[in-house]
Amino acid sequence: MGKILAICTSSRRGTAKTAVPSAVLTPEWGIVGDAHGGSWHRQVSLLSAEKIEAFRAKIWVDYGAFGENLVVEGFDFAALPVPSFFAIGDAVLEMTQIGKECHSDCAIRRQTGDCIMPREGVFARVVKGGTIRTGDEMTLLPTPADLPLRAAVITLSDKGSRGEREDESGPLIVEMLTAAGYKVEEALLLPDDAAQLKAQLLRLADGRQVNLILTTGGTGFAPRDITPEVTLSVADRNAPGIAEAMRYHSLTITPRGMLSRAASVLRGKTLIVNLPGSPKAVKENLEYILPSLAHGIRLAAGLDGECARR
C-alpha cells in the first residue's frame, strides 16, 4: 500500500511541473492537461517519495523537479517488475518502463552531478481512468495470469532510416508475432549504428523488460553489419541454439545460409534474436523458430517449469 504525496503537471514540455490537488486520468492521454501525456507507454511518470527525500540530503528539490507526475510514499518502484499494476480509487495504472535517459539540459544534473529520474523514475499507461487526489492510497494489484508475452522489433537499415527504402521486414515480424499471440510493444527503425542499437537493446531489456526482442538486418559480412556484435555485447548468457537452428534451416533452402552471423542471447529475462534482413528470409526463419520460442521465453521469465520429462 502506498500514498500519493503529490500530483504534479506542466502545460508545456521542457518546463518544471507544479503540484496540483487533483487530476483526471484517461486511457487516451494520461493526466488531462499534462504536456507529457499522449497515446504512448509513458503517459504518467512516478517517483518514490523516499528516493526524493534521500536526494534532498544533497540539495532541496520541490516535488515535480524531476519531471515526475506522481510522488508516492511506500513503493520502491524501480525494484518492481514490468508490468506491474496499481489501483488508485477507480483508476488503474500499468507500469511500462523503469528509468529513462536524462535529457542534456537537466538543471538538477548540472547543479549536483546527479539525477535520480533515469534510474528510479518509472512510467505507466492508464488502463482505467478516474480522478485522483493528493492523499489517495495506491494499491499494488496482482499481475494477471493470462498476460501475453511482450515483444519488440528493431529493423537495422541505413537506407530505411533515411526514408530511401521501405521497411518490409519489421512490419512482417510484427504481423507474425501478433498472429502468434504476442503483444508487440514497440517497432523501431534504426540505422546500422552500434551506439543507437545498444541503447535501444538496453532500454527494451532493462527498462521495458520485454520478453523478446527480434532484430532484422545487419547480420551479414558488409562493414556496416554490426548487429551480432552489439547483441553479444549486451548479453548476460548465450543462447546459441536458436541462431544455429536458423542457419541449419536456411542451409536447406540456400547454401548462402552459412553466411549468416546472427546471434541469439539472453539479457536478464529478455531473449534477443537476430533475424536476417530480407522479408523472404525473415519469414522462413521466424516460421521455423517461433513455435519453440515461447517455452524458452517463459522459462527465462520464471513462468514455466523445467523441460525434463519423466
C-alpha atoms as a PDB file:
ATOM      1  CA  MET A   1       0.000   0.000   0.000  1.00  0.00           C
ATOM      2  CA  GLY A   2       1.300   3.429  -0.914  1.00  0.00           C
ATOM      3  CA  LYS A   3       0.117   7.004  -0.600  1.00  0.00           C
ATOM      4  CA  ILE A   4       0.197   9.836  -3.128  1.00  0.00           C
ATOM      5  CA  LEU A   5       2.056  12.773  -1.588  1.00  0.00           C
ATOM      6  CA  ALA A   6       1.961  14.995  -4.668  1.00  0.00           C
ATOM      7  CA  ILE A   7       0.410  15.245  -8.127  1.00  0.00           C
ATOM      8  CA  CYS A   8       2.460  17.416 -10.487  1.00  0.00           C
ATOM      9  CA  THR A   9       1.709  18.622 -14.006  1.00  0.00           C
ATOM     10  CA  SER A  10       3.006  21.038 -16.614  1.00  0.00           C
ATOM     11  CA  SER A  11       1.211  22.549 -19.577  1.00  0.00           C
ATOM     12  CA  ARG A  12       4.345  22.639 -21.744  1.00  0.00           C
ATOM     13  CA  ARG A  13       7.234  20.243 -22.257  1.00  0.00           C
ATOM     14  CA  GLY A  14      10.580  21.446 -21.007  1.00  0.00           C
ATOM     15  CA  THR A  15       9.102  23.333 -18.070  1.00  0.00           C
ATOM     16  CA  ALA A  16       9.013  22.390 -14.385  1.00  0.00           C
ATOM     17  CA  LYS A  17       5.986  20.524 -13.116  1.00  0.00           C
ATOM     18  CA  THR A  18       3.997  22.095 -10.290  1.00  0.00           C
ATOM     19  CA  ALA A  19       1.780  20.480  -7.683  1.00  0.00           C
ATOM     20  CA  VAL A  20      -1.987  20.333  -8.138  1.00  0.00           C
ATOM     21  CA  PRO A  21      -4.536  18.957  -5.654  1.00  0.00           C
ATOM     22  CA  SER A  22      -6.181  16.528  -8.073  1.00  0.00           C
ATOM     23  CA  ALA A  23      -6.044  15.212 -11.640  1.00  0.00           C
ATOM     24  CA  VAL A  24      -8.131  13.262 -14.117  1.00  0.00           C
ATOM     25  CA  LEU A  25      -6.616  10.137 -15.685  1.00  0.00           C
ATOM     26  CA  THR A  26      -7.765   8.914 -19.111  1.00  0.00           C
ATOM     27  CA  PRO A  27      -6.532   5.925 -21.161  1.00  0.00           C
ATOM     28  CA  GLU A  28      -6.438   8.147 -24.235  1.00  0.00           C
ATOM     29  CA  TRP A  29      -3.970  10.686 -22.791  1.00  0.00           C
ATOM     30  CA  GLY A  30      -2.788  10.056 -19.249  1.00  0.00           C
ATOM     31  CA  ILE A  31      -3.157  13.057 -16.951  1.00  0.00           C
ATOM     32  CA  VAL A  32      -5.533  15.511 -18.582  1.00  0.00           C
ATOM     33  CA  GLY A  33      -3.754  18.827 -19.116  1.00  0.00           C
ATOM     34  CA  ASP A  34      -0.224  17.446 -18.708  1.00  0.00           C
ATOM     35  CA  ALA A  35       2.101  18.016 -21.653  1.00  0.00           C
ATOM     36  CA  HIS A  36       3.741  14.595 -21.400  1.00  0.00           C
ATOM     37  CA  GLY A  37       0.532  12.668 -21.991  1.00  0.00           C
ATOM     38  CA  GLY A  38      -0.369  11.058 -25.289  1.00  0.00           C
ATOM     39  CA  SER A  39      -1.052   7.760 -26.975  1.00  0.00           C
ATOM     40  CA  TRP A  40       2.106   6.028 -25.779  1.00  0.00           C
ATOM     41  CA  HIS A  41       3.513   3.940 -22.958  1.00  0.00           C
ATOM     42  CA  ARG A  42       4.889   6.866 -20.905  1.00  0.00           C
ATOM     43  CA  GLN A  43       1.652   8.682 -20.112  1.00  0.00           C
ATOM     44  CA  VAL A  44       2.320   9.060 -16.379  1.00  0.00           C
ATOM     45  CA  SER A  45       5.665   9.258 -14.551  1.00  0.00           C
ATOM     46  CA  LEU A  46       6.086   8.138 -10.950  1.00  0.00           C
ATOM     47  CA  LEU A  47       8.840   8.550  -8.359  1.00  0.00           C
ATOM     48  CA  SER A  48       9.181   7.129  -4.875  1.00  0.00           C
ATOM     49  CA  ALA A  49       8.948   9.787  -2.156  1.00  0.00           C
ATOM     50  CA  GLU A  50      11.690   8.012  -0.234  1.00  0.00           C
ATOM     51  CA  LYS A  51      14.107   8.476  -3.159  1.00  0.00           C
ATOM     52  CA  ILE A  52      13.352  12.193  -3.278  1.00  0.00           C
ATOM     53  CA  GLU A  53      13.929  12.526   0.479  1.00  0.00           C
ATOM     54  CA  ALA A  54      17.306  10.820   0.152  1.00  0.00           C
ATOM     55  CA  PHE A  55      18.258  13.178  -2.688  1.00  0.00           C
ATOM     56  CA  ARG A  56      17.273  16.179  -0.582  1.00  0.00           C
ATOM     57  CA  ALA A  57      20.313  15.437   1.587  1.00  0.00           C
ATOM     58  CA  LYS A  58      22.321  16.877  -1.348  1.00  0.00           C
ATOM     59  CA  ILE A  59      20.059  19.754  -2.343  1.00  0.00           C
ATOM     60  CA  TRP A  60      16.466  20.769  -1.715  1.00  0.00           C
ATOM     61  CA  VAL A  61      14.143  19.983  -4.607  1.00  0.00           C
ATOM     62  CA  ASP A  62      10.408  20.548  -4.821  1.00  0.00           C
ATOM     63  CA  TYR A  63       8.051  17.788  -5.851  1.00  0.00           C
ATOM     64  CA  GLY A  64       7.889  17.798  -9.642  1.00  0.00           C
ATOM     65  CA  ALA A  65      11.508  18.926 -10.051  1.00  0.00           C
ATOM     66  CA  PHE A  66      12.484  15.645 -11.698  1.00  0.00           C
ATOM     67  CA  GLY A  67       9.557  15.809 -14.113  1.00  0.00           C
ATOM     68  CA  GLU A  68       7.552  13.262 -12.139  1.00  0.00           C
ATOM     69  CA  ASN A  69       3.754  13.347 -12.173  1.00  0.00           C
ATOM     70  CA  LEU A  70       3.112  11.314  -9.036  1.00  0.00           C
ATOM     71  CA  VAL A  71       5.193  11.282  -5.871  1.00  0.00           C
ATOM     72  CA  VAL A  72       4.248   8.134  -3.971  1.00  0.00           C
ATOM     73  CA  GLU A  73       5.240   7.019  -0.489  1.00  0.00           C
ATOM     74  CA  GLY A  74       5.586   3.317   0.247  1.00  0.00           C
ATOM     75  CA  PHE A  75       6.834   1.808  -3.031  1.00  0.00           C
ATOM     76  CA  ASP A  76      10.316   1.240  -4.413  1.00  0.00           C
ATOM     77  CA  PHE A  77       9.063   1.381  -7.989  1.00  0.00           C
ATOM     78  CA  ALA A  78      12.388   0.586  -9.656  1.00  0.00           C
ATOM     79  CA  ALA A  79      12.541  -2.746  -7.784  1.00  0.00           C
ATOM     80  CA  LEU A  80       9.181  -3.913  -9.164  1.00  0.00           C
ATOM     81  CA  PRO A  81       8.799  -5.959 -12.361  1.00  0.00           C
ATOM     82  CA  VAL A  82       7.407  -4.599 -15.612  1.00  0.00           C
ATOM     83  CA  PRO A  83       4.487  -4.780 -15.979  1.00  0.00           C
ATOM     84  CA  SER A  84       3.108  -4.025 -12.517  1.00  0.00           C
ATOM     85  CA  PHE A  85      -0.420  -2.778 -11.947  1.00  0.00           C
ATOM     86  CA  PHE A  86      -1.654  -0.193  -9.443  1.00  0.00           C
ATOM     87  CA  ALA A  87      -5.104   0.949  -8.350  1.00  0.00           C
ATOM     88  CA  ILE A  88      -5.839   4.492  -7.193  1.00  0.00           C
ATOM     89  CA  GLY A  89      -9.529   4.516  -6.358  1.00  0.00           C
ATOM     90  CA  ASP A  90     -11.278   3.513  -9.580  1.00  0.00           C
ATOM     91  CA  ALA A  91      -8.236   4.272 -11.748  1.00  0.00           C
ATOM     92  CA  VAL A  92      -5.724   1.582 -12.782  1.00  0.00           C
ATOM     93  CA  LEU A  93      -2.148   2.172 -14.000  1.00  0.00           C
ATOM     94  CA  GLU A  94       0.145  -0.302 -15.744  1.00  0.00           C
ATOM     95  CA  MET A  95       3.855   0.305 -15.140  1.00  0.00           C
ATOM     96  CA  THR A  96       5.531   0.067 -18.549  1.00  0.00           C
ATOM     97  CA  GLN A  97       9.137   1.226 -18.132  1.00  0.00           C
ATOM     98  CA  ILE A  98      11.793   1.761 -15.496  1.00  0.00           C
ATOM     99  CA  GLY A  99      14.109   4.719 -15.951  1.00  0.00           C
ATOM    100  CA  LYS A 100      14.896   6.861 -18.965  1.00  0.00           C
ATOM    101  CA  GLU A 101      17.782   8.770 -20.475  1.00  0.00           C
ATOM    102  CA  CYS A 102      18.323  12.097 -18.721  1.00  0.00           C
ATOM    103  CA  HIS A 103      17.941  14.954 -21.184  1.00  0.00           C
ATOM    104  CA  SER A 104      21.050  17.010 -21.872  1.00  0.00           C
ATOM    105  CA  ASP A 105      19.829  20.254 -20.289  1.00  0.00           C
ATOM    106  CA  CYS A 106      18.722  18.690 -16.970  1.00  0.00           C
ATOM    107  CA  ALA A 107      19.107  21.516 -14.446  1.00  0.00           C
ATOM    108  CA  ILE A 108      19.382  19.191 -11.454  1.00  0.00           C
ATOM    109  CA  ARG A 109      22.195  17.183 -13.032  1.00  0.00           C
ATOM    110  CA  ARG A 110      24.018  20.412 -13.861  1.00  0.00           C
ATOM    111  CA  GLN A 111      23.741  21.562 -10.232  1.00  0.00           C
ATOM    112  CA  THR A 112      24.535  18.318  -8.428  1.00  0.00           C
ATOM    113  CA  GLY A 113      26.081  15.987 -10.985  1.00  0.00           C
ATOM    114  CA  ASP A 114      23.250  13.528 -10.416  1.00  0.00           C
ATOM    115  CA  CYS A 115      19.591  12.987 -11.306  1.00  0.00           C
ATOM    116  CA  ILE A 116      17.563  10.120  -9.861  1.00  0.00           C
ATOM    117  CA  MET A 117      14.850  10.013 -12.526  1.00  0.00           C
ATOM    118  CA  PRO A 118      16.886   7.938 -15.042  1.00  0.00           C
ATOM    119  CA  ARG A 119      17.352   5.092 -12.546  1.00  0.00           C
ATOM    120  CA  GLU A 120      14.491   5.476 -10.031  1.00  0.00           C
ATOM    121  CA  GLY A 121      11.656   7.011 -12.051  1.00  0.00           C
ATOM    122  CA  VAL A 122       9.096   4.767 -13.714  1.00  0.00           C
ATOM    123  CA  PHE A 123       6.416   5.270 -16.312  1.00  0.00           C
ATOM    124  CA  ALA A 124       2.896   3.984 -16.706  1.00  0.00           C
ATOM    125  CA  ARG A 125      -0.043   3.939 -19.061  1.00  0.00           C
ATOM    126  CA  VAL A 126      -3.609   4.413 -17.879  1.00  0.00           C
ATOM    127  CA  VAL A 127      -5.608   1.194 -18.123  1.00  0.00           C
ATOM    128  CA  LYS A 128      -8.739   2.594 -16.476  1.00  0.00           C
ATOM    129  CA  GLY A 129      -9.473   6.261 -15.964  1.00  0.00           C
ATOM    130  CA  GLY A 130     -10.629   8.149 -12.909  1.00  0.00           C
ATOM    131  CA  THR A 131      -9.989  11.144 -10.687  1.00  0.00           C
ATOM    132  CA  ILE A 132      -7.044  11.015  -8.296  1.00  0.00           C
ATOM    133  CA  ARG A 133      -6.227  13.332  -5.381  1.00  0.00           C
ATOM    134  CA  THR A 134      -3.266  14.055  -3.164  1.00  0.00           C
ATOM    135  CA  GLY A 135      -3.520  11.747  -0.156  1.00  0.00           C
ATOM    136  CA  ASP A 136      -5.142   8.910  -2.100  1.00  0.00           C
ATOM    137  CA  GLU A 137      -3.969   5.389  -1.383  1.00  0.00           C
ATOM    138  CA  MET A 138      -2.247   3.398  -4.144  1.00  0.00           C
ATOM    139  CA  THR A 139      -2.509  -0.390  -4.138  1.00  0.00           C
ATOM    140  CA  LEU A 140      -0.275  -2.873  -5.938  1.00  0.00           C
ATOM    141  CA  LEU A 141      -2.591  -5.264  -7.778  1.00  0.00           C
ATOM    142  CA  PRO A 142      -1.898  -8.943  -8.543  1.00  0.00           C
ATOM    143  CA  THR A 143      -0.424  -9.372 -12.018  1.00  0.00           C
ATOM    144  CA  PRO A 144      -2.990 -11.065 -14.289  1.00  0.00           C
ATOM    145  CA  ALA A 145      -2.029 -14.663 -15.051  1.00  0.00           C
ATOM    146  CA  ASP A 146      -3.129 -14.522 -18.683  1.00  0.00           C
ATOM    147  CA  LEU A 147      -0.952 -11.651 -19.909  1.00  0.00           C
ATOM    148  CA  PRO A 148       0.513 -12.228 -23.393  1.00  0.00           C
ATOM    149  CA  LEU A 149       4.258 -12.384 -23.888  1.00  0.00           C
ATOM    150  CA  ARG A 150       5.611  -8.935 -24.767  1.00  0.00           C
ATOM    151  CA  ALA A 151       7.913  -8.279 -27.696  1.00  0.00           C
ATOM    152  CA  ALA A 152       9.768  -5.514 -29.510  1.00  0.00           C
ATOM    153  CA  VAL A 153      11.062  -5.382 -33.078  1.00  0.00           C
ATOM    154  CA  ILE A 154      14.116  -3.453 -34.339  1.00  0.00           C
ATOM    155  CA  THR A 155      14.897  -3.031 -38.029  1.00  0.00           C
ATOM    156  CA  LEU A 156      18.509  -2.090 -38.841  1.00  0.00           C
ATOM    157  CA  SER A 157      18.816  -0.299 -42.168  1.00  0.00           C
ATOM    158  CA  ASP A 158      20.760   2.803 -43.148  1.00  0.00           C
ATOM    159  CA  LYS A 159      18.601   3.377 -46.224  1.00  0.00           C
ATOM    160  CA  GLY A 160      15.392   2.583 -44.369  1.00  0.00           C
ATOM    161  CA  SER A 161      16.194   5.027 -41.576  1.00  0.00           C
ATOM    162  CA  ARG A 162      16.776   7.749 -44.187  1.00  0.00           C
ATOM    163  CA  GLY A 163      13.483   7.030 -45.920  1.00  0.00           C
ATOM    164  CA  GLU A 164      15.205   5.724 -49.044  1.00  0.00           C
ATOM    165  CA  ARG A 165      13.828   2.185 -48.712  1.00  0.00           C
ATOM    166  CA  GLU A 166      10.559   0.855 -47.325  1.00  0.00           C
ATOM    167  CA  ASP A 167      10.907  -1.365 -44.283  1.00  0.00           C
ATOM    168  CA  GLU A 168       9.062  -4.567 -45.174  1.00  0.00           C
ATOM    169  CA  SER A 169      10.725  -6.912 -42.702  1.00  0.00           C
ATOM    170  CA  GLY A 170       9.822  -5.074 -39.476  1.00  0.00           C
ATOM    171  CA  PRO A 171       6.068  -4.944 -40.194  1.00  0.00           C
ATOM    172  CA  LEU A 172       6.173  -8.613 -41.279  1.00  0.00           C
ATOM    173  CA  ILE A 173       7.718  -9.614 -37.941  1.00  0.00           C
ATOM    174  CA  VAL A 174       5.097  -7.566 -36.083  1.00  0.00           C
ATOM    175  CA  GLU A 175       2.353  -9.318 -38.058  1.00  0.00           C
ATOM    176  CA  MET A 176       3.751 -12.784 -37.377  1.00  0.00           C
ATOM    177  CA  LEU A 177       4.283 -12.116 -33.663  1.00  0.00           C
ATOM    178  CA  THR A 178       0.794 -10.704 -33.268  1.00  0.00           C
ATOM    179  CA  ALA A 179      -0.712 -13.722 -35.023  1.00  0.00           C
ATOM    180  CA  ALA A 180       1.214 -15.964 -32.602  1.00  0.00           C
ATOM    181  CA  GLY A 181      -0.325 -14.176 -29.591  1.00  0.00           C
ATOM    182  CA  TYR A 182       2.491 -11.788 -28.647  1.00  0.00           C
ATOM    183  CA  LYS A 183       1.887  -8.186 -27.698  1.00  0.00           C
ATOM    184  CA  VAL A 184       4.309  -6.059 -29.715  1.00  0.00           C
ATOM    185  CA  GLU A 185       5.162  -3.084 -27.515  1.00  0.00           C
ATOM    186  CA  GLU A 186       7.462  -1.238 -29.926  1.00  0.00           C
ATOM    187  CA  ALA A 187       8.701  -1.447 -33.529  1.00  0.00           C
ATOM    188  CA  LEU A 188      11.775   0.685 -34.260  1.00  0.00           C
ATOM    189  CA  LEU A 189      13.674   1.550 -37.432  1.00  0.00           C
ATOM    190  CA  LEU A 190      17.349   2.398 -36.829  1.00  0.00           C
ATOM    191  CA  PRO A 191      20.431   2.974 -38.960  1.00  0.00           C
ATOM    192  CA  ASP A 192      23.223   0.396 -38.777  1.00  0.00           C
ATOM    193  CA  ASP A 193      24.755   2.245 -35.837  1.00  0.00           C
ATOM    194  CA  ALA A 194      26.235   0.356 -32.901  1.00  0.00           C
ATOM    195  CA  ALA A 195      25.612   3.032 -30.266  1.00  0.00           C
ATOM    196  CA  GLN A 196      21.957   3.507 -31.199  1.00  0.00           C
ATOM    197  CA  LEU A 197      21.272  -0.221 -31.341  1.00  0.00           C
ATOM    198  CA  LYS A 198      22.961  -0.868 -27.987  1.00  0.00           C
ATOM    199  CA  ALA A 199      20.993   1.938 -26.319  1.00  0.00           C
ATOM    200  CA  GLN A 200      17.694   0.523 -27.553  1.00  0.00           C
ATOM    201  CA  LEU A 201      18.522  -3.071 -26.616  1.00  0.00           C
ATOM    202  CA  LEU A 202      19.381  -1.938 -23.089  1.00  0.00           C
ATOM    203  CA  ARG A 203      16.261   0.207 -22.797  1.00  0.00           C
ATOM    204  CA  LEU A 204      13.937  -2.510 -24.079  1.00  0.00           C
ATOM    205  CA  ALA A 205      15.504  -5.294 -21.985  1.00  0.00           C
ATOM    206  CA  ASP A 206      16.196  -3.404 -18.750  1.00  0.00           C
ATOM    207  CA  GLY A 207      13.668  -0.583 -18.801  1.00  0.00           C
ATOM    208  CA  ARG A 208      10.696  -2.041 -20.616  1.00  0.00           C
ATOM    209  CA  GLN A 209      11.579  -5.639 -19.670  1.00  0.00           C
ATOM    210  CA  VAL A 210      10.004  -7.110 -22.795  1.00  0.00           C
ATOM    211  CA  ASN A 211      10.206 -10.886 -23.086  1.00  0.00           C
ATOM    212  CA  LEU A 212      11.508 -10.960 -26.645  1.00  0.00           C
ATOM    213  CA  ILE A 213      13.457  -8.602 -28.908  1.00  0.00           C
ATOM    214  CA  LEU A 214      13.737  -9.535 -32.577  1.00  0.00           C
ATOM    215  CA  THR A 215      16.141  -7.600 -34.769  1.00  0.00           C
ATOM    216  CA  THR A 216      16.209  -7.736 -38.558  1.00  0.00           C
ATOM    217  CA  GLY A 217      19.153  -6.752 -40.709  1.00  0.00           C
ATOM    218  CA  GLY A 218      22.860  -6.237 -40.161  1.00  0.00           C
ATOM    219  CA  THR A 219      23.839  -9.921 -39.825  1.00  0.00           C
ATOM    220  CA  GLY A 220      25.935 -10.306 -42.983  1.00  0.00           C
ATOM    221  CA  PHE A 221      29.530  -9.623 -43.950  1.00  0.00           C
ATOM    222  CA  ALA A 222      29.245  -5.962 -45.003  1.00  0.00           C
ATOM    223  CA  PRO A 223      31.325  -3.472 -42.989  1.00  0.00           C
ATOM    224  CA  ARG A 224      28.177  -1.821 -41.584  1.00  0.00           C
ATOM    225  CA  ASP A 225      26.660  -5.159 -40.450  1.00  0.00           C
ATOM    226  CA  ILE A 226      27.163  -4.787 -36.696  1.00  0.00           C
ATOM    227  CA  THR A 227      24.019  -6.366 -35.244  1.00  0.00           C
ATOM    228  CA  PRO A 228      25.583  -9.601 -33.883  1.00  0.00           C
ATOM    229  CA  GLU A 229      28.493  -7.792 -32.224  1.00  0.00           C
ATOM    230  CA  VAL A 230      26.174  -5.332 -30.461  1.00  0.00           C
ATOM    231  CA  THR A 231      23.809  -8.126 -29.443  1.00  0.00           C
ATOM    232  CA  LEU A 232      26.640 -10.161 -27.933  1.00  0.00           C
ATOM    233  CA  SER A 233      27.945  -7.080 -26.098  1.00  0.00           C
ATOM    234  CA  VAL A 234      24.723  -6.750 -24.060  1.00  0.00           C
ATOM    235  CA  ALA A 235      24.335 -10.466 -23.313  1.00  0.00           C
ATOM    236  CA  ASP A 236      24.278 -11.988 -19.847  1.00  0.00           C
ATOM    237  CA  ARG A 237      24.050 -15.516 -21.258  1.00  0.00           C
ATOM    238  CA  ASN A 238      24.429 -17.014 -24.702  1.00  0.00           C
ATOM    239  CA  ALA A 239      21.548 -18.924 -26.324  1.00  0.00           C
ATOM    240  CA  PRO A 240      23.305 -20.170 -29.476  1.00  0.00           C
ATOM    241  CA  GLY A 241      20.890 -22.956 -30.361  1.00  0.00           C
ATOM    242  CA  ILE A 242      18.333 -20.560 -31.848  1.00  0.00           C
ATOM    243  CA  ALA A 243      20.790 -18.905 -34.241  1.00  0.00           C
ATOM    244  CA  GLU A 244      22.279 -22.315 -35.095  1.00  0.00           C
ATOM    245  CA  ALA A 245      18.799 -23.674 -35.856  1.00  0.00           C
ATOM    246  CA  MET A 246      18.125 -20.761 -38.202  1.00  0.00           C
ATOM    247  CA  ARG A 247      21.386 -21.374 -40.051  1.00  0.00           C
ATOM    248  CA  TYR A 248      20.574 -25.091 -40.315  1.00  0.00           C
ATOM    249  CA  HIS A 249      17.136 -24.333 -41.697  1.00  0.00           C
ATOM    250  CA  SER A 250      18.477 -21.703 -44.106  1.00  0.00           C
ATOM    251  CA  LEU A 251      21.012 -24.193 -45.482  1.00  0.00           C
ATOM    252  CA  THR A 252      18.129 -26.450 -46.563  1.00  0.00           C
ATOM    253  CA  ILE A 253      16.957 -23.551 -48.732  1.00  0.00           C
ATOM    254  CA  THR A 254      20.214 -21.931 -49.940  1.00  0.00           C
ATOM    255  CA  PRO A 255      23.914 -22.593 -49.368  1.00  0.00           C
ATOM    256  CA  ARG A 256      24.268 -18.889 -48.572  1.00  0.00           C
ATOM    257  CA  GLY A 257      22.646 -19.644 -45.234  1.00  0.00           C
ATOM    258  CA  MET A 258      26.184 -20.340 -43.957  1.00  0.00           C
ATOM    259  CA  LEU A 259      26.962 -16.631 -44.352  1.00  0.00           C
ATOM    260  CA  SER A 260      24.605 -15.567 -41.564  1.00  0.00           C
ATOM    261  CA  ARG A 261      26.362 -14.249 -38.455  1.00  0.00           C
ATOM    262  CA  ALA A 262      23.117 -13.959 -36.462  1.00  0.00           C
ATOM    263  CA  ALA A 263      23.325 -14.253 -32.678  1.00  0.00           C
ATOM    264  CA  SER A 264      20.759 -15.243 -30.045  1.00  0.00           C
ATOM    265  CA  VAL A 265      21.305 -14.307 -26.407  1.00  0.00           C
ATOM    266  CA  LEU A 266      19.637 -13.620 -23.077  1.00  0.00           C
ATOM    267  CA  ARG A 267      19.876 -10.357 -21.182  1.00  0.00           C
ATOM    268  CA  GLY A 268      18.184 -10.827 -17.845  1.00  0.00           C
ATOM    269  CA  LYS A 269      14.805 -12.330 -18.662  1.00  0.00           C
ATOM    270  CA  THR A 270      14.767 -10.983 -22.227  1.00  0.00           C
ATOM    271  CA  LEU A 271      15.573 -13.171 -25.225  1.00  0.00           C
ATOM    272  CA  ILE A 272      17.232 -11.297 -28.115  1.00  0.00           C
ATOM    273  CA  VAL A 273      17.348 -12.948 -31.561  1.00  0.00           C
ATOM    274  CA  ASN A 274      18.882 -11.588 -34.773  1.00  0.00           C
ATOM    275  CA  LEU A 275      16.862 -12.314 -37.915  1.00  0.00           C
ATOM    276  CA  PRO A 276      18.039 -11.766 -41.495  1.00  0.00           C
ATOM    277  CA  GLY A 277      17.236  -8.569 -43.352  1.00  0.00           C
ATOM    278  CA  SER A 278      15.164  -9.727 -46.320  1.00  0.00           C
ATOM    279  CA  PRO A 279      11.415 -10.318 -45.866  1.00  0.00           C
ATOM    280  CA  LYS A 280      11.695 -13.762 -47.511  1.00  0.00           C
ATOM    281  CA  ALA A 281      14.448 -14.908 -45.146  1.00  0.00           C
ATOM    282  CA  VAL A 282      12.640 -13.356 -42.151  1.00  0.00           C
ATOM    283  CA  LYS A 283       9.512 -15.345 -42.930  1.00  0.00           C
ATOM    284  CA  GLU A 284      11.417 -18.598 -43.471  1.00  0.00           C
ATOM    285  CA  ASN A 285      13.444 -18.287 -40.277  1.00  0.00           C
ATOM    286  CA  LEU A 286      10.733 -16.958 -37.996  1.00  0.00           C
ATOM    287  CA  GLU A 287       8.242 -19.601 -39.090  1.00  0.00           C
ATOM    288  CA  TYR A 288      10.864 -22.207 -38.175  1.00  0.00           C
ATOM    289  CA  ILE A 289      11.801 -20.951 -34.697  1.00  0.00           C
ATOM    290  CA  LEU A 290       8.630 -19.218 -33.497  1.00  0.00           C
ATOM    291  CA  PRO A 291       6.753 -22.339 -32.300  1.00  0.00           C
ATOM    292  CA  SER A 292       9.611 -23.192 -29.912  1.00  0.00           C
ATOM    293  CA  LEU A 293      10.422 -19.722 -28.590  1.00  0.00           C
ATOM    294  CA  ALA A 294       7.529 -19.265 -26.170  1.00  0.00           C
ATOM    295  CA  HIS A 295       8.579 -22.131 -23.891  1.00  0.00           C
ATOM    296  CA  GLY A 296      12.153 -20.855 -23.651  1.00  0.00           C
ATOM    297  CA  ILE A 297      10.964 -17.317 -23.025  1.00  0.00           C
ATOM    298  CA  ARG A 298       8.638 -18.469 -20.277  1.00  0.00           C
ATOM    299  CA  LEU A 299      11.463 -20.474 -18.681  1.00  0.00           C
ATOM    300  CA  ALA A 300      13.704 -17.410 -18.712  1.00  0.00           C
ATOM    301  CA  ALA A 301      10.942 -15.355 -17.112  1.00  0.00           C
ATOM    302  CA  GLY A 302      10.286 -17.995 -14.446  1.00  0.00           C
ATOM    303  CA  LEU A 303       6.797 -18.666 -15.770  1.00  0.00           C
ATOM    304  CA  ASP A 304       7.269 -22.328 -16.756  1.00  0.00           C
ATOM    305  CA  GLY A 305       8.840 -25.334 -15.041  1.00  0.00           C
ATOM    306  CA  GLU A 306      11.854 -27.337 -16.149  1.00  0.00           C
ATOM    307  CA  CYS A 307      11.960 -29.093 -19.521  1.00  0.00           C
ATOM    308  CA  ALA A 308      12.799 -32.581 -18.189  1.00  0.00           C
ATOM    309  CA  ARG A 309      10.149 -35.218 -18.545  1.00  0.00           C
ATOM    310  CA  ARG A 310       9.808 -38.409 -16.591  1.00  0.00           C
END
